[in-house]
N, C-alpha and C. Protein backbone atom coordinates (compact mmCIF):
# COMPACT_ATOMS: atom_id res chain seq x y z
N MET A 1 -8.41 -0.86 -24.13
CA MET A 1 -7.90 0.13 -23.21
C MET A 1 -6.54 0.60 -23.73
N LYS A 2 -6.39 1.92 -23.78
CA LYS A 2 -5.16 2.51 -24.28
C LYS A 2 -4.45 3.22 -23.13
N PHE A 3 -3.12 3.11 -23.09
CA PHE A 3 -2.34 3.70 -22.01
C PHE A 3 -1.56 4.91 -22.52
N ILE A 4 -1.34 5.86 -21.61
CA ILE A 4 -0.52 7.02 -21.94
C ILE A 4 0.80 6.91 -21.17
N SER A 5 1.81 7.54 -21.69
CA SER A 5 3.14 7.47 -21.07
C SER A 5 3.23 8.41 -19.87
N PRO A 6 3.85 7.94 -18.77
CA PRO A 6 4.09 8.86 -17.66
C PRO A 6 5.15 9.92 -18.00
N LEU A 7 5.84 9.71 -19.11
CA LEU A 7 6.82 10.69 -19.60
C LEU A 7 6.40 11.13 -20.99
N PRO A 8 5.43 12.06 -21.06
CA PRO A 8 4.94 12.49 -22.38
C PRO A 8 6.03 13.23 -23.16
N THR A 9 5.88 13.21 -24.48
CA THR A 9 6.87 13.90 -25.32
C THR A 9 6.79 15.41 -25.13
N GLU A 10 5.63 15.89 -24.71
CA GLU A 10 5.48 17.33 -24.47
C GLU A 10 4.77 17.54 -23.13
N ALA A 11 5.37 18.35 -22.29
CA ALA A 11 4.75 18.70 -21.00
C ALA A 11 3.82 19.87 -21.23
N ASN A 12 2.52 19.62 -21.00
CA ASN A 12 1.52 20.67 -21.19
C ASN A 12 0.42 20.50 -20.14
N ASN A 13 -0.64 21.23 -20.29
CA ASN A 13 -1.72 21.18 -19.31
C ASN A 13 -2.87 20.31 -19.79
N ASN A 14 -2.59 19.42 -20.74
CA ASN A 14 -3.61 18.55 -21.33
C ASN A 14 -3.50 17.14 -20.73
N TYR A 15 -4.17 16.92 -19.61
CA TYR A 15 -4.17 15.60 -18.97
C TYR A 15 -5.18 14.71 -19.67
N GLN A 16 -4.75 13.54 -20.12
CA GLN A 16 -5.61 12.65 -20.88
C GLN A 16 -5.98 11.38 -20.13
N GLY A 17 -5.52 11.27 -18.90
CA GLY A 17 -5.84 10.08 -18.11
C GLY A 17 -7.21 10.17 -17.47
N LEU A 18 -7.54 9.16 -16.68
CA LEU A 18 -8.84 9.13 -16.01
C LEU A 18 -8.93 10.22 -14.95
N LYS A 19 -10.08 10.86 -14.88
CA LYS A 19 -10.29 12.02 -14.00
C LYS A 19 -10.12 11.72 -12.50
N PRO A 20 -10.52 10.53 -12.00
CA PRO A 20 -10.34 10.30 -10.55
C PRO A 20 -8.89 10.46 -10.09
N ALA A 21 -7.94 10.13 -10.94
CA ALA A 21 -6.53 10.28 -10.57
C ALA A 21 -6.18 11.76 -10.39
N LEU A 22 -6.80 12.62 -11.17
CA LEU A 22 -6.57 14.06 -11.04
C LEU A 22 -7.24 14.59 -9.78
N TRP A 23 -8.50 14.24 -9.56
CA TRP A 23 -9.22 14.76 -8.40
C TRP A 23 -8.63 14.24 -7.10
N PHE A 24 -8.23 12.98 -7.09
CA PHE A 24 -7.64 12.44 -5.87
C PHE A 24 -6.28 13.06 -5.59
N PHE A 25 -5.61 13.52 -6.63
CA PHE A 25 -4.30 14.17 -6.45
C PHE A 25 -4.45 15.43 -5.60
N TYR A 26 -5.53 16.18 -5.81
CA TYR A 26 -5.79 17.36 -4.98
C TYR A 26 -5.90 16.95 -3.51
N LEU A 27 -6.65 15.89 -3.24
CA LEU A 27 -6.81 15.41 -1.85
C LEU A 27 -5.49 14.92 -1.28
N TYR A 28 -4.73 14.20 -2.08
CA TYR A 28 -3.45 13.67 -1.63
C TYR A 28 -2.50 14.81 -1.28
N LEU A 29 -2.54 15.88 -2.07
CA LEU A 29 -1.66 17.01 -1.79
C LEU A 29 -2.04 17.73 -0.49
N LEU A 30 -3.31 17.67 -0.11
CA LEU A 30 -3.69 18.22 1.20
C LEU A 30 -3.00 17.44 2.31
N LEU A 31 -2.97 16.12 2.18
CA LEU A 31 -2.27 15.28 3.16
C LEU A 31 -0.77 15.59 3.15
N VAL A 32 -0.20 15.71 1.96
CA VAL A 32 1.23 16.03 1.84
C VAL A 32 1.52 17.40 2.45
N ALA A 33 0.63 18.37 2.21
CA ALA A 33 0.83 19.71 2.77
C ALA A 33 0.80 19.67 4.29
N PHE A 34 -0.19 18.97 4.86
CA PHE A 34 -0.27 18.87 6.32
C PHE A 34 0.99 18.24 6.89
N ARG A 35 1.41 17.13 6.29
CA ARG A 35 2.60 16.42 6.76
C ARG A 35 3.84 17.29 6.62
N SER A 36 3.98 17.96 5.49
CA SER A 36 5.17 18.78 5.21
C SER A 36 5.28 19.95 6.16
N PHE A 37 4.18 20.69 6.30
CA PHE A 37 4.21 21.88 7.17
C PHE A 37 4.33 21.50 8.63
N THR A 38 3.78 20.36 9.02
CA THR A 38 3.95 19.89 10.40
C THR A 38 5.41 19.59 10.67
N HIS A 39 6.05 18.83 9.77
CA HIS A 39 7.47 18.50 9.97
C HIS A 39 8.33 19.76 9.97
N MET A 40 7.99 20.71 9.12
CA MET A 40 8.81 21.92 9.01
C MET A 40 8.62 22.88 10.19
N PHE A 41 7.36 23.09 10.61
CA PHE A 41 7.08 24.19 11.52
C PHE A 41 6.65 23.81 12.94
N ALA A 42 6.24 22.58 13.18
CA ALA A 42 5.85 22.20 14.54
C ALA A 42 7.09 22.19 15.44
N GLN A 43 6.91 22.58 16.67
CA GLN A 43 8.04 22.67 17.62
C GLN A 43 8.78 21.34 17.70
N ASP A 44 8.04 20.23 17.68
CA ASP A 44 8.66 18.91 17.77
C ASP A 44 8.76 18.22 16.41
N ALA A 45 8.53 18.99 15.34
CA ALA A 45 8.53 18.48 13.96
C ALA A 45 7.50 17.36 13.78
N GLY A 46 6.53 17.30 14.68
CA GLY A 46 5.51 16.26 14.62
C GLY A 46 5.98 14.91 15.09
N LEU A 47 7.22 14.83 15.53
CA LEU A 47 7.80 13.53 15.88
C LEU A 47 7.26 12.97 17.20
N ASN A 48 6.98 13.84 18.17
CA ASN A 48 6.37 13.39 19.42
C ASN A 48 4.85 13.44 19.33
N SER A 49 4.34 14.59 18.87
CA SER A 49 2.90 14.82 18.89
C SER A 49 2.13 13.96 17.90
N ILE A 50 2.73 13.60 16.79
CA ILE A 50 2.02 12.80 15.78
C ILE A 50 2.65 11.42 15.63
N ALA A 51 3.96 11.35 15.47
CA ALA A 51 4.63 10.07 15.25
C ALA A 51 4.80 9.25 16.52
N SER A 52 4.47 9.84 17.66
CA SER A 52 4.49 9.13 18.95
C SER A 52 5.88 8.70 19.42
N ILE A 53 6.93 9.34 18.92
CA ILE A 53 8.27 9.02 19.39
C ILE A 53 8.45 9.66 20.77
N ILE A 54 9.06 8.92 21.67
CA ILE A 54 9.22 9.41 23.04
C ILE A 54 10.12 10.64 23.08
N ILE A 55 10.01 11.41 24.14
CA ILE A 55 10.91 12.54 24.37
C ILE A 55 12.10 12.01 25.15
N PHE A 56 13.28 12.23 24.63
CA PHE A 56 14.49 11.69 25.24
C PHE A 56 15.00 12.61 26.34
N PRO A 57 15.61 12.05 27.38
CA PRO A 57 16.13 12.88 28.47
C PRO A 57 17.43 13.57 28.07
N GLU A 58 17.70 14.68 28.75
CA GLU A 58 18.96 15.38 28.51
C GLU A 58 20.12 14.53 28.99
N VAL A 59 21.24 14.65 28.28
CA VAL A 59 22.47 13.94 28.64
C VAL A 59 23.60 14.96 28.66
N ASN A 60 24.27 15.11 29.79
CA ASN A 60 25.37 16.08 29.93
C ASN A 60 24.94 17.49 29.51
N ASN A 61 23.76 17.88 29.96
CA ASN A 61 23.19 19.20 29.65
C ASN A 61 22.94 19.41 28.14
N LEU A 62 22.86 18.34 27.38
CA LEU A 62 22.54 18.42 25.96
C LEU A 62 21.19 17.73 25.73
N ASN A 63 20.35 18.37 24.92
CA ASN A 63 19.03 17.82 24.64
C ASN A 63 19.06 17.14 23.26
N PRO A 64 19.05 15.80 23.23
CA PRO A 64 19.09 15.11 21.93
C PRO A 64 17.86 15.39 21.08
N ASN A 65 16.76 15.79 21.73
CA ASN A 65 15.54 16.09 20.97
C ASN A 65 15.74 17.26 20.01
N SER A 66 16.60 18.21 20.39
CA SER A 66 16.86 19.36 19.51
C SER A 66 17.43 18.90 18.17
N VAL A 67 18.33 17.94 18.20
CA VAL A 67 18.92 17.42 16.97
C VAL A 67 17.86 16.65 16.17
N ILE A 68 17.07 15.86 16.87
CA ILE A 68 16.03 15.07 16.22
C ILE A 68 15.00 15.99 15.55
N TYR A 69 14.58 17.05 16.25
CA TYR A 69 13.61 17.99 15.69
C TYR A 69 14.20 18.75 14.51
N PHE A 70 15.48 19.08 14.60
CA PHE A 70 16.16 19.77 13.50
C PHE A 70 16.13 18.91 12.24
N ILE A 71 16.46 17.63 12.38
CA ILE A 71 16.46 16.72 11.23
C ILE A 71 15.04 16.54 10.70
N GLY A 72 14.07 16.45 11.60
CA GLY A 72 12.67 16.35 11.18
C GLY A 72 12.22 17.57 10.40
N SER A 73 12.69 18.74 10.81
CA SER A 73 12.35 19.98 10.10
C SER A 73 13.00 20.02 8.72
N LEU A 74 14.23 19.53 8.61
CA LEU A 74 14.87 19.44 7.30
C LEU A 74 14.08 18.53 6.37
N TRP A 75 13.59 17.44 6.92
CA TRP A 75 12.77 16.50 6.16
C TRP A 75 11.51 17.23 5.67
N GLY A 76 10.91 18.03 6.55
CA GLY A 76 9.73 18.80 6.17
C GLY A 76 10.02 19.77 5.05
N SER A 77 11.20 20.39 5.08
CA SER A 77 11.54 21.34 4.01
C SER A 77 11.67 20.62 2.67
N SER A 78 12.22 19.42 2.67
CA SER A 78 12.30 18.64 1.43
C SER A 78 10.91 18.27 0.93
N GLN A 79 10.03 17.94 1.86
CA GLN A 79 8.66 17.60 1.47
C GLN A 79 7.94 18.81 0.89
N ILE A 80 8.23 20.00 1.40
CA ILE A 80 7.60 21.22 0.87
C ILE A 80 8.06 21.46 -0.56
N VAL A 81 9.30 21.16 -0.87
CA VAL A 81 9.79 21.29 -2.25
C VAL A 81 9.00 20.37 -3.18
N VAL A 82 8.81 19.12 -2.77
CA VAL A 82 8.03 18.17 -3.58
C VAL A 82 6.58 18.66 -3.72
N LEU A 83 6.02 19.18 -2.63
CA LEU A 83 4.66 19.74 -2.67
C LEU A 83 4.58 20.89 -3.68
N PHE A 84 5.55 21.79 -3.63
CA PHE A 84 5.58 22.94 -4.53
C PHE A 84 5.64 22.48 -6.00
N ILE A 85 6.50 21.53 -6.29
CA ILE A 85 6.61 21.00 -7.66
C ILE A 85 5.31 20.33 -8.08
N SER A 86 4.68 19.61 -7.16
CA SER A 86 3.40 18.95 -7.46
C SER A 86 2.31 19.97 -7.76
N ILE A 87 2.30 21.08 -7.04
CA ILE A 87 1.31 22.13 -7.29
C ILE A 87 1.55 22.76 -8.67
N ILE A 88 2.81 22.92 -9.03
CA ILE A 88 3.13 23.44 -10.38
C ILE A 88 2.59 22.48 -11.44
N PHE A 89 2.74 21.18 -11.21
CA PHE A 89 2.19 20.19 -12.15
C PHE A 89 0.69 20.40 -12.30
N LEU A 90 -0.01 20.60 -11.18
CA LEU A 90 -1.46 20.77 -11.23
C LEU A 90 -1.88 22.05 -11.95
N ILE A 91 -1.10 23.09 -11.79
CA ILE A 91 -1.46 24.38 -12.37
C ILE A 91 -1.07 24.46 -13.85
N LYS A 92 0.11 23.98 -14.18
CA LYS A 92 0.67 24.25 -15.50
C LYS A 92 0.95 23.01 -16.35
N TYR A 93 1.20 21.86 -15.72
CA TYR A 93 1.68 20.69 -16.47
C TYR A 93 0.92 19.42 -16.08
N LYS A 94 -0.38 19.42 -16.24
CA LYS A 94 -1.19 18.25 -15.85
C LYS A 94 -0.81 16.99 -16.63
N SER A 95 -0.18 17.15 -17.77
CA SER A 95 0.23 15.96 -18.54
C SER A 95 1.30 15.16 -17.79
N LEU A 96 1.90 15.76 -16.76
CA LEU A 96 2.91 15.07 -15.95
C LEU A 96 2.32 14.45 -14.68
N LEU A 97 0.99 14.39 -14.60
CA LEU A 97 0.35 13.85 -13.40
C LEU A 97 0.77 12.41 -13.12
N SER A 98 0.86 11.59 -14.14
CA SER A 98 1.28 10.19 -13.94
C SER A 98 2.68 10.12 -13.35
N LEU A 99 3.55 10.99 -13.82
CA LEU A 99 4.91 11.04 -13.28
C LEU A 99 4.88 11.45 -11.81
N ALA A 100 4.03 12.41 -11.48
CA ALA A 100 3.91 12.84 -10.08
C ALA A 100 3.41 11.68 -9.21
N TRP A 101 2.41 10.95 -9.70
CA TRP A 101 1.94 9.78 -8.93
C TRP A 101 3.06 8.76 -8.77
N LEU A 102 3.86 8.57 -9.80
CA LEU A 102 4.97 7.63 -9.72
C LEU A 102 5.99 8.07 -8.67
N VAL A 103 6.24 9.37 -8.57
CA VAL A 103 7.14 9.90 -7.53
C VAL A 103 6.59 9.54 -6.14
N PHE A 104 5.28 9.69 -5.94
CA PHE A 104 4.70 9.36 -4.64
C PHE A 104 4.70 7.85 -4.38
N VAL A 105 4.59 7.04 -5.44
CA VAL A 105 4.74 5.58 -5.27
C VAL A 105 6.15 5.29 -4.76
N LEU A 106 7.15 5.87 -5.42
CA LEU A 106 8.54 5.65 -5.01
C LEU A 106 8.80 6.17 -3.60
N ASP A 107 8.19 7.30 -3.26
CA ASP A 107 8.32 7.85 -1.91
C ASP A 107 7.83 6.84 -0.88
N ASN A 108 6.67 6.25 -1.13
CA ASN A 108 6.14 5.27 -0.18
C ASN A 108 6.97 3.99 -0.13
N ILE A 109 7.47 3.56 -1.27
CA ILE A 109 8.35 2.38 -1.28
C ILE A 109 9.60 2.64 -0.45
N LEU A 110 10.22 3.81 -0.65
CA LEU A 110 11.43 4.15 0.10
C LEU A 110 11.15 4.32 1.59
N ARG A 111 9.97 4.82 1.94
CA ARG A 111 9.59 4.92 3.35
C ARG A 111 9.49 3.53 3.97
N ILE A 112 8.88 2.60 3.24
CA ILE A 112 8.75 1.23 3.75
C ILE A 112 10.12 0.58 3.91
N ILE A 113 11.00 0.78 2.94
CA ILE A 113 12.36 0.24 3.04
C ILE A 113 13.07 0.82 4.25
N THR A 114 12.96 2.15 4.42
CA THR A 114 13.60 2.81 5.57
C THR A 114 13.05 2.29 6.89
N MET A 115 11.73 2.16 6.98
CA MET A 115 11.12 1.66 8.22
C MET A 115 11.52 0.23 8.50
N THR A 116 11.75 -0.54 7.47
CA THR A 116 12.19 -1.92 7.65
C THR A 116 13.65 -1.99 8.06
N MET A 117 14.49 -1.19 7.42
CA MET A 117 15.92 -1.19 7.73
C MET A 117 16.22 -0.61 9.10
N HIS A 118 15.49 0.42 9.48
CA HIS A 118 15.78 1.15 10.72
C HIS A 118 14.56 1.15 11.64
N SER A 119 13.96 0.00 11.82
CA SER A 119 12.73 -0.06 12.60
C SER A 119 12.99 0.29 14.07
N LEU A 120 12.05 1.03 14.64
CA LEU A 120 12.12 1.38 16.05
C LEU A 120 11.30 0.36 16.83
N ASP A 121 11.88 -0.16 17.90
CA ASP A 121 11.06 -1.06 18.70
C ASP A 121 10.13 -0.22 19.57
N GLN A 122 9.16 -0.88 20.18
CA GLN A 122 8.09 -0.19 20.91
C GLN A 122 8.61 0.68 22.06
N ASN A 123 9.82 0.45 22.54
CA ASN A 123 10.38 1.27 23.62
C ASN A 123 10.59 2.73 23.21
N TYR A 124 10.66 2.99 21.90
CA TYR A 124 10.87 4.35 21.42
C TYR A 124 9.55 5.09 21.14
N LEU A 125 8.44 4.39 21.28
CA LEU A 125 7.15 4.96 20.90
C LEU A 125 6.18 5.00 22.07
N ASN A 126 5.33 6.02 22.07
CA ASN A 126 4.26 6.11 23.07
C ASN A 126 3.02 5.33 22.64
N SER A 127 2.81 5.22 21.34
CA SER A 127 1.66 4.51 20.77
C SER A 127 1.98 4.20 19.31
N THR A 128 0.99 3.71 18.60
CA THR A 128 1.19 3.41 17.18
C THR A 128 1.07 4.69 16.37
N ALA A 129 2.06 4.98 15.56
CA ALA A 129 2.08 6.20 14.76
C ALA A 129 1.18 6.04 13.54
N PRO A 130 0.45 7.12 13.17
CA PRO A 130 -0.43 7.03 12.00
C PRO A 130 0.33 6.81 10.68
N GLY A 131 1.57 7.25 10.60
CA GLY A 131 2.34 7.10 9.37
C GLY A 131 3.27 5.91 9.42
N GLY A 132 3.00 4.99 10.31
CA GLY A 132 3.86 3.83 10.45
C GLY A 132 3.80 2.90 9.25
N LEU A 133 4.29 1.70 9.43
CA LEU A 133 4.39 0.74 8.34
C LEU A 133 3.02 0.41 7.74
N VAL A 134 2.02 0.25 8.58
CA VAL A 134 0.69 -0.09 8.07
C VAL A 134 0.12 1.08 7.26
N GLY A 135 0.18 2.30 7.82
CA GLY A 135 -0.34 3.47 7.11
C GLY A 135 0.39 3.73 5.81
N THR A 136 1.69 3.56 5.82
CA THR A 136 2.49 3.78 4.61
C THR A 136 2.19 2.70 3.57
N SER A 137 1.95 1.48 4.02
CA SER A 137 1.58 0.40 3.09
C SER A 137 0.24 0.70 2.42
N VAL A 138 -0.70 1.23 3.19
CA VAL A 138 -1.99 1.64 2.61
C VAL A 138 -1.77 2.75 1.58
N MET A 139 -0.94 3.73 1.93
CA MET A 139 -0.68 4.83 1.00
C MET A 139 0.07 4.35 -0.24
N LEU A 140 0.90 3.33 -0.09
CA LEU A 140 1.56 2.74 -1.27
C LEU A 140 0.51 2.16 -2.20
N PHE A 141 -0.44 1.43 -1.65
CA PHE A 141 -1.50 0.85 -2.47
C PHE A 141 -2.30 1.95 -3.17
N VAL A 142 -2.66 3.00 -2.43
CA VAL A 142 -3.44 4.11 -3.00
C VAL A 142 -2.67 4.79 -4.12
N THR A 143 -1.40 5.14 -3.87
CA THR A 143 -0.62 5.84 -4.89
C THR A 143 -0.36 4.96 -6.11
N LEU A 144 -0.14 3.67 -5.88
CA LEU A 144 0.06 2.74 -7.00
C LEU A 144 -1.21 2.64 -7.84
N PHE A 145 -2.36 2.53 -7.18
CA PHE A 145 -3.63 2.47 -7.89
C PHE A 145 -3.87 3.76 -8.69
N MET A 146 -3.61 4.90 -8.06
CA MET A 146 -3.80 6.18 -8.74
C MET A 146 -2.83 6.32 -9.93
N PHE A 147 -1.61 5.84 -9.77
CA PHE A 147 -0.67 5.86 -10.89
C PHE A 147 -1.24 5.05 -12.05
N PHE A 148 -1.73 3.84 -11.75
CA PHE A 148 -2.25 2.99 -12.83
C PHE A 148 -3.46 3.61 -13.52
N ILE A 149 -4.37 4.20 -12.75
CA ILE A 149 -5.52 4.80 -13.45
C ILE A 149 -5.15 6.11 -14.15
N SER A 150 -4.05 6.73 -13.72
CA SER A 150 -3.63 7.97 -14.39
C SER A 150 -3.01 7.71 -15.76
N ILE A 151 -2.56 6.48 -16.00
CA ILE A 151 -1.97 6.19 -17.32
C ILE A 151 -2.98 5.55 -18.28
N ILE A 152 -4.22 5.35 -17.81
CA ILE A 152 -5.28 4.86 -18.70
C ILE A 152 -5.89 6.06 -19.42
N GLU A 153 -5.81 6.02 -20.73
CA GLU A 153 -6.34 7.15 -21.51
C GLU A 153 -7.86 7.12 -21.48
N ARG A 154 -8.45 8.26 -21.10
CA ARG A 154 -9.91 8.33 -21.06
C ARG A 154 -10.44 8.54 -22.47
N LYS A 155 -11.65 8.07 -22.67
CA LYS A 155 -12.29 8.23 -23.97
C LYS A 155 -12.72 9.67 -24.13
N GLN A 156 -12.38 10.25 -25.25
CA GLN A 156 -12.76 11.63 -25.57
C GLN A 156 -14.22 11.67 -26.00
N LYS A 157 -14.92 12.71 -25.56
CA LYS A 157 -16.35 12.84 -25.92
C LYS A 157 -16.50 13.47 -27.28
């Protein structure tokens, strides 16, 4: 088994890794697109409707949810930038696919660290969020697996 570098000497559209890593990347980007656009454009940034975070009461005629939704929307805009760069990789620079998978591995690791450092107790949630610690741990496994198969050089026909 021969491995390819996630940092090739030349960025081109010649992906030499295993094909499932490429095809699954398309599916993964659909998930990233849904998540990104929800955080950016949903009225609640997806924080109540998807992440199950409670709606906080107004305090002194100020709505803390407005600040929370604003920050959630900023997060969505950052995710859209990553999505845009990932789409460019798919269109023009497939040789960087392993690097893109590595970015998503790091994204999931940092999400897990953040959720561990700043965990919300159940009083802040209406139910279990789909992107919580368990879901993110599953996505870490998926992205790590896809990264590893993306660096395995496929046999040329």
